Amino acid sequence: MNTILKRITIDDELCNGRPTIRGLRITVQTILEFLLTGTSEEEILHQYPVLEKEDLEACKQFAIQLMERKYTLREMAA
């Protein structure tokens, strides 16, 4: 968790409050989408030279930690 807190930041003034990597304008979602489409970590690091391998790992760990939470779906009136 400590690595995640150092690398994943949430700021209402940056990227509409979406989680970003180290306060850069690169969202966790962007990196996860690249990984899910099969883009290699090496290619992501080439395309985003400001990123480090640890940033990619922090994105994956962040997603895993979100899935560890309990969620409840509620119907909302239309």
Protein backbone atom coordinates (compact mmCIF):
# COMPACT_ATOMS: atom_id res chain seq x y z
CA MET A 1 0.00 0.00 0.00
CA ASN A 2 2.85 2.38 0.77
CA THR A 3 4.10 2.23 -2.84
CA ILE A 4 0.60 2.96 -4.09
CA LEU A 5 0.25 6.01 -1.86
CA LYS A 6 3.54 7.37 -3.18
CA ARG A 7 2.70 6.77 -6.85
CA ILE A 8 -1.08 7.09 -7.25
CA THR A 9 -2.53 10.51 -6.53
CA ILE A 10 -6.05 11.89 -6.57
CA ASP A 11 -6.51 15.63 -6.97
CA ASP A 12 -9.86 17.26 -7.76
CA GLU A 13 -8.02 19.82 -9.89
CA LEU A 14 -6.26 17.25 -12.07
CA CYS A 15 -7.92 15.02 -14.68
CA ASN A 16 -11.36 15.63 -13.15
CA GLY A 17 -10.33 13.93 -9.92
CA ARG A 18 -9.42 10.62 -11.55
CA PRO A 19 -6.49 8.72 -10.01
CA THR A 20 -3.25 9.71 -11.75
CA ILE A 21 0.35 8.59 -11.57
CA ARG A 22 2.52 10.82 -9.38
CA GLY A 23 0.39 13.88 -10.14
CA LEU A 24 1.12 13.64 -13.86
CA ARG A 25 -1.68 13.94 -16.38
CA ILE A 26 -1.57 10.19 -16.97
CA THR A 27 -4.49 8.36 -15.41
CA VAL A 28 -4.43 4.92 -13.87
CA GLN A 29 -7.33 4.07 -16.18
CA THR A 30 -5.25 4.90 -19.27
CA ILE A 31 -2.46 2.58 -18.18
CA LEU A 32 -4.85 -0.23 -17.25
CA GLU A 33 -6.60 0.07 -20.62
CA PHE A 34 -3.26 -0.24 -22.42
CA LEU A 35 -2.36 -3.31 -20.37
CA LEU A 36 -5.76 -4.92 -20.95
CA THR A 37 -5.46 -4.49 -24.72
CA GLY A 38 -2.15 -6.34 -24.66
CA THR A 39 0.27 -3.43 -24.85
CA SER A 40 3.54 -4.52 -23.27
CA GLU A 41 4.94 -2.70 -20.27
CA GLU A 42 8.03 -1.92 -22.32
CA GLU A 43 5.90 -0.23 -25.00
CA ILE A 44 3.99 1.81 -22.40
CA LEU A 45 7.25 2.95 -20.85
CA HIS A 46 8.53 3.87 -24.33
CA GLN A 47 5.37 5.87 -25.11
CA TYR A 48 5.42 7.58 -21.69
CA PRO A 49 9.11 8.10 -20.86
CA VAL A 50 8.25 9.94 -17.61
CA LEU A 51 6.84 6.70 -16.20
CA GLU A 52 8.76 4.06 -14.31
CA LYS A 53 8.11 0.32 -14.09
CA GLU A 54 7.02 0.84 -10.46
CA ASP A 55 4.27 3.18 -11.69
CA LEU A 56 2.76 0.39 -13.77
CA GLU A 57 2.89 -1.99 -10.84
CA ALA A 58 1.20 0.62 -8.64
CA CYS A 59 -1.64 0.92 -11.19
CA LYS A 60 -2.23 -2.83 -11.08
CA GLN A 61 -2.11 -2.90 -7.29
CA PHE A 62 -4.50 0.05 -7.11
CA ALA A 63 -7.03 -1.82 -9.26
CA ILE A 64 -6.67 -4.95 -7.15
CA GLN A 65 -7.28 -2.99 -3.96
CA LEU A 66 -10.42 -1.43 -5.43
CA MET A 67 -11.77 -4.92 -6.13
CA GLU A 68 -11.20 -5.93 -2.50
CA ARG A 69 -13.90 -3.49 -1.40
CA LYS A 70 -17.52 -4.48 -0.95
CA TYR A 71 -19.96 -2.82 -3.33
CA THR A 72 -23.75 -2.65 -3.20
CA LEU A 73 -25.90 -1.85 -6.22
CA ARG A 74 -29.07 0.09 -5.59
CA GLU A 75 -31.87 0.92 -7.96
CA MET A 76 -32.36 4.63 -8.45
CA ALA A 77 -35.62 6.31 -9.44
CA ALA A 78 -35.56 7.51 -13.02
